[in-house]
Amino acid sequence: MSQKNMLSNTDKKSPRFVFDKANYQLFLLSIAIVVIGFLLMMGQEDIYSFTKLTVAPIVIVLGFAVGFIAILYKPKNS
């Protein structure tokens, strides 16, 4: 009888996602930052401009860093 109750209790567990809402929001933010970096790199101006050689790669690396943080971030309420 107790085994049947244990089985019914384990069946009622709802599946949980690996990440929380905050993780997905941070990941979408990181994708947006990387896209902005590539758009900065794509501009129509001089190929050796400061924006293309310095600003755009820094923005892209920051976007990847935010993505890394999004994967490792664990909210305090779980």
PDB file of N, CA and C in Angstrom:
ATOM      1  N   MET A   1       0.819  -1.188   0.000  1.00  0.00           N
ATOM      2  CA  MET A   1       0.000   0.000   0.000  1.00  0.00           C
ATOM      3  C   MET A   1       0.860   1.247   0.000  1.00  0.00           C
ATOM      4  N   SER A   2       1.930   1.252   0.799  1.00  0.00           N
ATOM      5  CA  SER A   2       2.779   2.434   0.872  1.00  0.00           C
ATOM      6  C   SER A   2       3.543   2.643  -0.438  1.00  0.00           C
ATOM      7  N   GLN A   3       3.865   1.547  -1.130  1.00  0.00           N
ATOM      8  CA  GLN A   3       4.546   1.687  -2.406  1.00  0.00           C
ATOM      9  C   GLN A   3       3.639   2.354  -3.427  1.00  0.00           C
ATOM     10  N   LYS A   4       2.378   2.055  -3.377  1.00  0.00           N
ATOM     11  CA  LYS A   4       1.448   2.671  -4.312  1.00  0.00           C
ATOM     12  C   LYS A   4       1.335   4.171  -4.045  1.00  0.00           C
ATOM     13  N   ASN A   5       1.330   4.576  -2.779  1.00  0.00           N
ATOM     14  CA  ASN A   5       1.276   5.994  -2.439  1.00  0.00           C
ATOM     15  C   ASN A   5       2.558   6.708  -2.874  1.00  0.00           C
ATOM     16  N   MET A   6       3.690   6.049  -2.725  1.00  0.00           N
ATOM     17  CA  MET A   6       4.954   6.657  -3.132  1.00  0.00           C
ATOM     18  C   MET A   6       4.982   6.862  -4.639  1.00  0.00           C
ATOM     19  N   LEU A   7       4.461   5.912  -5.379  1.00  0.00           N
ATOM     20  CA  LEU A   7       4.440   6.049  -6.823  1.00  0.00           C
ATOM     21  C   LEU A   7       3.512   7.169  -7.260  1.00  0.00           C
ATOM     22  N   SER A   8       2.391   7.297  -6.615  1.00  0.00           N
ATOM     23  CA  SER A   8       1.453   8.342  -7.007  1.00  0.00           C
ATOM     24  C   SER A   8       2.001   9.730  -6.658  1.00  0.00           C
ATOM     25  N   ASN A   9       2.794   9.842  -5.577  1.00  0.00           N
ATOM     26  CA  ASN A   9       3.380  11.124  -5.221  1.00  0.00           C
ATOM     27  C   ASN A   9       4.469  11.541  -6.205  1.00  0.00           C
ATOM     28  N   THR A  10       5.242  10.596  -6.695  1.00  0.00           N
ATOM     29  CA  THR A  10       6.305  10.934  -7.643  1.00  0.00           C
ATOM     30  C   THR A  10       5.726  11.248  -9.015  1.00  0.00           C
ATOM     31  N   ASP A  11       4.577  10.699  -9.362  1.00  0.00           N
ATOM     32  CA  ASP A  11       3.960  10.982 -10.650  1.00  0.00           C
ATOM     33  C   ASP A  11       3.427  12.414 -10.715  1.00  0.00           C
ATOM     34  N   LYS A  12       3.114  13.012  -9.597  1.00  0.00           N
ATOM     35  CA  LYS A  12       2.514  14.334  -9.580  1.00  0.00           C
ATOM     36  C   LYS A  12       3.534  15.459  -9.715  1.00  0.00           C
ATOM     37  N   LYS A  13       4.815  15.169  -9.720  1.00  0.00           N
ATOM     38  CA  LYS A  13       5.822  16.214  -9.867  1.00  0.00           C
ATOM     39  C   LYS A  13       5.734  16.816 -11.261  1.00  0.00           C
ATOM     40  N   SER A  14       5.698  18.127 -11.303  1.00  0.00           N
ATOM     41  CA  SER A  14       5.650  18.789 -12.608  1.00  0.00           C
ATOM     42  C   SER A  14       7.074  18.967 -13.127  1.00  0.00           C
ATOM     43  N   PRO A  15       7.264  18.856 -14.419  1.00  0.00           N
ATOM     44  CA  PRO A  15       8.608  19.022 -14.972  1.00  0.00           C
ATOM     45  C   PRO A  15       9.066  20.475 -14.839  1.00  0.00           C
ATOM     46  N   ARG A  16      10.335  20.642 -14.488  1.00  0.00           N
ATOM     47  CA  ARG A  16      10.905  21.983 -14.346  1.00  0.00           C
ATOM     48  C   ARG A  16      11.877  22.240 -15.479  1.00  0.00           C
ATOM     49  N   PHE A  17      11.947  23.484 -15.875  1.00  0.00           N
ATOM     50  CA  PHE A  17      12.917  23.866 -16.885  1.00  0.00           C
ATOM     51  C   PHE A  17      14.307  23.945 -16.251  1.00  0.00           C
ATOM     52  N   VAL A  18      15.310  23.820 -17.081  1.00  0.00           N
ATOM     53  CA  VAL A  18      16.680  23.883 -16.586  1.00  0.00           C
ATOM     54  C   VAL A  18      16.997  25.308 -16.119  1.00  0.00           C
ATOM     55  N   PHE A  19      16.533  26.305 -16.884  1.00  0.00           N
ATOM     56  CA  PHE A  19      16.795  27.701 -16.566  1.00  0.00           C
ATOM     57  C   PHE A  19      15.512  28.395 -16.141  1.00  0.00           C
ATOM     58  N   ASP A  20      15.670  29.497 -15.429  1.00  0.00           N
ATOM     59  CA  ASP A  20      14.534  30.309 -15.022  1.00  0.00           C
ATOM     60  C   ASP A  20      14.315  31.435 -16.027  1.00  0.00           C
ATOM     61  N   LYS A  21      13.298  32.240 -15.755  1.00  0.00           N
ATOM     62  CA  LYS A  21      12.955  33.336 -16.650  1.00  0.00           C
ATOM     63  C   LYS A  21      14.107  34.332 -16.771  1.00  0.00           C
ATOM     64  N   ALA A  22      14.796  34.599 -15.676  1.00  0.00           N
ATOM     65  CA  ALA A  22      15.908  35.551 -15.684  1.00  0.00           C
ATOM     66  C   ALA A  22      17.040  35.066 -16.596  1.00  0.00           C
ATOM     67  N   ASN A  23      17.297  33.769 -16.609  1.00  0.00           N
ATOM     68  CA  ASN A  23      18.342  33.223 -17.471  1.00  0.00           C
ATOM     69  C   ASN A  23      18.008  33.443 -18.946  1.00  0.00           C
ATOM     70  N   TYR A  24      16.750  33.194 -19.312  1.00  0.00           N
ATOM     71  CA  TYR A  24      16.343  33.383 -20.698  1.00  0.00           C
ATOM     72  C   TYR A  24      16.381  34.853 -21.087  1.00  0.00           C
ATOM     73  N   GLN A  25      16.015  35.755 -20.179  1.00  0.00           N
ATOM     74  CA  GLN A  25      16.080  37.179 -20.472  1.00  0.00           C
ATOM     75  C   GLN A  25      17.524  37.626 -20.671  1.00  0.00           C
ATOM     76  N   LEU A  26      18.424  37.150 -19.820  1.00  0.00           N
ATOM     77  CA  LEU A  26      19.834  37.488 -19.988  1.00  0.00           C
ATOM     78  C   LEU A  26      20.397  36.928 -21.292  1.00  0.00           C
ATOM     79  N   PHE A  27      19.958  35.735 -21.661  1.00  0.00           N
ATOM     80  CA  PHE A  27      20.441  35.133 -22.898  1.00  0.00           C
ATOM     81  C   PHE A  27      19.944  35.911 -24.116  1.00  0.00           C
ATOM     82  N   LEU A  28      18.686  36.355 -24.101  1.00  0.00           N
ATOM     83  CA  LEU A  28      18.173  37.171 -25.199  1.00  0.00           C
ATOM     84  C   LEU A  28      18.897  38.515 -25.262  1.00  0.00           C
ATOM     85  N   LEU A  29      19.217  39.080 -24.097  1.00  0.00           N
ATOM     86  CA  LEU A  29      19.985  40.315 -24.062  1.00  0.00           C
ATOM     87  C   LEU A  29      21.369  40.104 -24.667  1.00  0.00           C
ATOM     88  N   SER A  30      21.990  38.989 -24.382  1.00  0.00           N
ATOM     89  CA  SER A  30      23.319  38.716 -24.936  1.00  0.00           C
ATOM     90  C   SER A  30      23.266  38.565 -26.453  1.00  0.00           C
ATOM     91  N   ILE A  31      22.225  37.937 -26.963  1.00  0.00           N
ATOM     92  CA  ILE A  31      22.073  37.806 -28.419  1.00  0.00           C
ATOM     93  C   ILE A  31      21.919  39.180 -29.052  1.00  0.00           C
ATOM     94  N   ALA A  32      21.124  40.052 -28.415  1.00  0.00           N
ATOM     95  CA  ALA A  32      20.932  41.401 -28.939  1.00  0.00           C
ATOM     96  C   ALA A  32      22.236  42.186 -28.935  1.00  0.00           C
ATOM     97  N   ILE A  33      23.041  42.047 -27.888  1.00  0.00           N
ATOM     98  CA  ILE A  33      24.320  42.753 -27.806  1.00  0.00           C
ATOM     99  C   ILE A  33      25.275  42.269 -28.896  1.00  0.00           C
ATOM    100  N   VAL A  34      25.318  40.971 -29.138  1.00  0.00           N
ATOM    101  CA  VAL A  34      26.194  40.432 -30.186  1.00  0.00           C
ATOM    102  C   VAL A  34      25.736  40.918 -31.560  1.00  0.00           C
ATOM    103  N   VAL A  35      24.432  40.957 -31.796  1.00  0.00           N
ATOM    104  CA  VAL A  35      23.916  41.447 -33.084  1.00  0.00           C
ATOM    105  C   VAL A  35      24.285  42.919 -33.273  1.00  0.00           C
ATOM    106  N   ILE A  36      24.164  43.723 -32.222  1.00  0.00           N
ATOM    107  CA  ILE A  36      24.554  45.134 -32.308  1.00  0.00           C
ATOM    108  C   ILE A  36      26.046  45.253 -32.635  1.00  0.00           C
ATOM    109  N   GLY A  37      26.861  44.410 -32.027  1.00  0.00           N
ATOM    110  CA  GLY A  37      28.292  44.426 -32.323  1.00  0.00           C
ATOM    111  C   GLY A  37      28.586  44.113 -33.776  1.00  0.00           C
ATOM    112  N   PHE A  38      27.895  43.122 -34.335  1.00  0.00           N
ATOM    113  CA  PHE A  38      28.109  42.793 -35.741  1.00  0.00           C
ATOM    114  C   PHE A  38      27.581  43.887 -36.655  1.00  0.00           C
ATOM    115  N   LEU A  39      26.496  44.545 -36.259  1.00  0.00           N
ATOM    116  CA  LEU A  39      25.997  45.663 -37.063  1.00  0.00           C
ATOM    117  C   LEU A  39      26.979  46.828 -37.038  1.00  0.00           C
ATOM    118  N   LEU A  40      27.614  47.059 -35.900  1.00  0.00           N
ATOM    119  CA  LEU A  40      28.645  48.097 -35.831  1.00  0.00           C
ATOM    120  C   LEU A  40      29.827  47.752 -36.730  1.00  0.00           C
ATOM    121  N   MET A  41      30.158  46.497 -36.815  1.00  0.00           N
ATOM    122  CA  MET A  41      31.278  46.070 -37.635  1.00  0.00           C
ATOM    123  C   MET A  41      30.952  46.134 -39.125  1.00  0.00           C
ATOM    124  N   MET A  42      29.675  46.112 -39.460  1.00  0.00           N
ATOM    125  CA  MET A  42      29.254  46.037 -40.852  1.00  0.00           C
ATOM    126  C   MET A  42      29.154  47.399 -41.520  1.00  0.00           C
ATOM    127  N   GLY A  43      29.230  48.496 -40.826  1.00  0.00           N
ATOM    128  CA  GLY A  43      28.970  49.832 -41.360  1.00  0.00           C
ATOM    129  C   GLY A  43      29.557  50.133 -42.726  1.00  0.00           C
ATOM    130  N   GLN A  44      29.130  51.235 -43.328  1.00  0.00           N
ATOM    131  CA  GLN A  44      29.534  51.622 -44.681  1.00  0.00           C
ATOM    132  C   GLN A  44      30.778  52.513 -44.708  1.00  0.00           C
ATOM    133  N   GLU A  45      31.271  52.921 -43.566  1.00  0.00           N
ATOM    134  CA  GLU A  45      32.405  53.843 -43.535  1.00  0.00           C
ATOM    135  C   GLU A  45      33.726  53.118 -43.792  1.00  0.00           C
ATOM    136  N   ASP A  46      34.809  53.818 -43.560  1.00  0.00           N
ATOM    137  CA  ASP A  46      36.163  53.305 -43.802  1.00  0.00           C
ATOM    138  C   ASP A  46      36.394  51.965 -43.100  1.00  0.00           C
ATOM    139  N   ILE A  47      37.102  51.070 -43.776  1.00  0.00           N
ATOM    140  CA  ILE A  47      37.330  49.737 -43.232  1.00  0.00           C
ATOM    141  C   ILE A  47      38.241  49.773 -41.998  1.00  0.00           C
ATOM    142  N   TYR A  48      39.066  50.798 -41.864  1.00  0.00           N
ATOM    143  CA  TYR A  48      39.982  50.897 -40.737  1.00  0.00           C
ATOM    144  C   TYR A  48      39.500  51.897 -39.690  1.00  0.00           C
ATOM    145  N   SER A  49      38.189  52.069 -39.585  1.00  0.00           N
ATOM    146  CA  SER A  49      37.660  53.036 -38.621  1.00  0.00           C
ATOM    147  C   SER A  49      37.771  52.501 -37.191  1.00  0.00           C
ATOM    148  N   PHE A  50      37.758  53.422 -36.247  1.00  0.00           N
ATOM    149  CA  PHE A  50      37.839  53.076 -34.826  1.00  0.00           C
ATOM    150  C   PHE A  50      36.662  52.192 -34.406  1.00  0.00           C
ATOM    151  N   THR A  51      35.493  52.465 -34.952  1.00  0.00           N
ATOM    152  CA  THR A  51      34.295  51.689 -34.593  1.00  0.00           C
ATOM    153  C   THR A  51      34.442  50.232 -35.004  1.00  0.00           C
ATOM    154  N   LYS A  52      34.913  50.005 -36.218  1.00  0.00           N
ATOM    155  CA  LYS A  52      35.024  48.629 -36.713  1.00  0.00           C
ATOM    156  C   LYS A  52      36.164  47.857 -36.056  1.00  0.00           C
ATOM    157  N   LEU A  53      37.259  48.526 -35.763  1.00  0.00           N
ATOM    158  CA  LEU A  53      38.434  47.828 -35.236  1.00  0.00           C
ATOM    159  C   LEU A  53      38.451  47.702 -33.721  1.00  0.00           C
ATOM    160  N   THR A  54      37.766  48.606 -33.016  1.00  0.00           N
ATOM    161  CA  THR A  54      37.866  48.607 -31.552  1.00  0.00           C
ATOM    162  C   THR A  54      36.522  48.417 -30.868  1.00  0.00           C
ATOM    163  N   VAL A  55      35.561  49.257 -31.196  1.00  0.00           N
ATOM    164  CA  VAL A  55      34.283  49.252 -30.477  1.00  0.00           C
ATOM    165  C   VAL A  55      33.491  47.981 -30.756  1.00  0.00           C
ATOM    166  N   ALA A  56      33.353  47.612 -32.018  1.00  0.00           N
ATOM    167  CA  ALA A  56      32.537  46.445 -32.374  1.00  0.00           C
ATOM    168  C   ALA A  56      33.057  45.148 -31.753  1.00  0.00           C
ATOM    169  N   PRO A  57      34.365  44.843 -31.806  1.00  0.00           N
ATOM    170  CA  PRO A  57      34.832  43.613 -31.148  1.00  0.00           C
ATOM    171  C   PRO A  57      34.624  43.621 -29.634  1.00  0.00           C
ATOM    172  N   ILE A  58      34.771  44.786 -29.004  1.00  0.00           N
ATOM    173  CA  ILE A  58      34.541  44.860 -27.563  1.00  0.00           C
ATOM    174  C   ILE A  58      33.075  44.582 -27.248  1.00  0.00           C
ATOM    175  N   VAL A  59      32.165  45.142 -28.055  1.00  0.00           N
ATOM    176  CA  VAL A  59      30.733  44.911 -27.842  1.00  0.00           C
ATOM    177  C   VAL A  59      30.392  43.441 -28.039  1.00  0.00           C
ATOM    178  N   ILE A  60      30.978  42.805 -29.033  1.00  0.00           N
ATOM    179  CA  ILE A  60      30.715  41.382 -29.283  1.00  0.00           C
ATOM    180  C   ILE A  60      31.219  40.524 -28.125  1.00  0.00           C
ATOM    181  N   VAL A  61      32.407  40.811 -27.635  1.00  0.00           N
ATOM    182  CA  VAL A  61      32.948  40.044 -26.499  1.00  0.00           C
ATOM    183  C   VAL A  61      32.083  40.255 -25.260  1.00  0.00           C
ATOM    184  N   LEU A  62      31.607  41.477 -25.045  1.00  0.00           N
ATOM    185  CA  LEU A  62      30.701  41.731 -23.920  1.00  0.00           C
ATOM    186  C   LEU A  62      29.398  40.940 -24.068  1.00  0.00           C
ATOM    187  N   GLY A  63      28.900  40.826 -25.296  1.00  0.00           N
ATOM    188  CA  GLY A  63      27.702  40.029 -25.536  1.00  0.00           C
ATOM    189  C   GLY A  63      27.918  38.563 -25.201  1.00  0.00           C
ATOM    190  N   PHE A  64      29.070  38.029 -25.588  1.00  0.00           N
ATOM    191  CA  PHE A  64      29.369  36.639 -25.239  1.00  0.00           C
ATOM    192  C   PHE A  64      29.556  36.468 -23.734  1.00  0.00           C
ATOM    193  N   ALA A  65      30.110  37.475 -23.078  1.00  0.00           N
ATOM    194  CA  ALA A  65      30.275  37.410 -21.619  1.00  0.00           C
ATOM    195  C   ALA A  65      28.910  37.392 -20.923  1.00  0.00           C
ATOM    196  N   VAL A  66      27.977  38.202 -21.412  1.00  0.00           N
ATOM    197  CA  VAL A  66      26.624  38.199 -20.840  1.00  0.00           C
ATOM    198  C   VAL A  66      25.961  36.843 -21.070  1.00  0.00           C
ATOM    199  N   GLY A  67      26.199  36.227 -22.226  1.00  0.00           N
ATOM    200  CA  GLY A  67      25.669  34.887 -22.487  1.00  0.00           C
ATOM    201  C   GLY A  67      26.242  33.854 -21.538  1.00  0.00           C
ATOM    202  N   PHE A  68      27.514  33.959 -21.248  1.00  0.00           N
ATOM    203  CA  PHE A  68      28.163  33.061 -20.288  1.00  0.00           C
ATOM    204  C   PHE A  68      27.560  33.242 -18.901  1.00  0.00           C
ATOM    205  N   ILE A  69      27.339  34.493 -18.514  1.00  0.00           N
ATOM    206  CA  ILE A  69      26.717  34.781 -17.221  1.00  0.00           C
ATOM    207  C   ILE A  69      25.287  34.243 -17.191  1.00  0.00           C
ATOM    208  N   ALA A  70      24.581  34.358 -18.316  1.00  0.00           N
ATOM    209  CA  ALA A  70      23.204  33.864 -18.380  1.00  0.00           C
ATOM    210  C   ALA A  70      23.133  32.356 -18.138  1.00  0.00           C
ATOM    211  N   ILE A  71      24.126  31.638 -18.596  1.00  0.00           N
ATOM    212  CA  ILE A  71      24.147  30.192 -18.403  1.00  0.00           C
ATOM    213  C   ILE A  71      24.456  29.840 -16.957  1.00  0.00           C
ATOM    214  N   LEU A  72      25.386  30.571 -16.346  1.00  0.00           N
ATOM    215  CA  LEU A  72      25.823  30.238 -14.983  1.00  0.00           C
ATOM    216  C   LEU A  72      24.976  30.854 -13.883  1.00  0.00           C
ATOM    217  N   TYR A  73      24.162  31.857 -14.204  1.00  0.00           N
ATOM    218  CA  TYR A  73      23.387  32.578 -13.191  1.00  0.00           C
ATOM    219  C   TYR A  73      22.340  31.676 -12.571  1.00  0.00           C
ATOM    220  N   LYS A  74      22.309  31.648 -11.250  1.00  0.00           N
ATOM    221  CA  LYS A  74      21.310  30.874 -10.536  1.00  0.00           C
ATOM    222  C   LYS A  74      20.521  31.821  -9.629  1.00  0.00           C
ATOM    223  N   PRO A  75      19.248  32.048  -9.905  1.00  0.00           N
ATOM    224  CA  PRO A  75      18.456  32.961  -9.080  1.00  0.00           C
ATOM    225  C   PRO A  75      18.388  32.497  -7.627  1.00  0.00           C
ATOM    226  N   LYS A  76      18.266  33.439  -6.723  1.00  0.00           N
ATOM    227  CA  LYS A  76      18.298  33.130  -5.285  1.00  0.00           C
ATOM    228  C   LYS A  76      17.025  32.468  -4.791  1.00  0.00           C
ATOM    229  N   ASN A  77      15.908  32.626  -5.501  1.00  0.00           N
ATOM    230  CA  ASN A  77      14.640  32.076  -4.990  1.00  0.00           C
ATOM    231  C   ASN A  77      14.455  30.599  -5.299  1.00  0.00           C
ATOM    232  N   SER A  78      15.367  29.950  -6.041  1.00  0.00           N
ATOM    233  CA  SER A  78      15.180  28.516  -6.304  1.00  0.00           C
ATOM    234  C   SER A  78      16.037  27.662  -5.444  1.00  0.00           C
TER     235      SER A  78
END
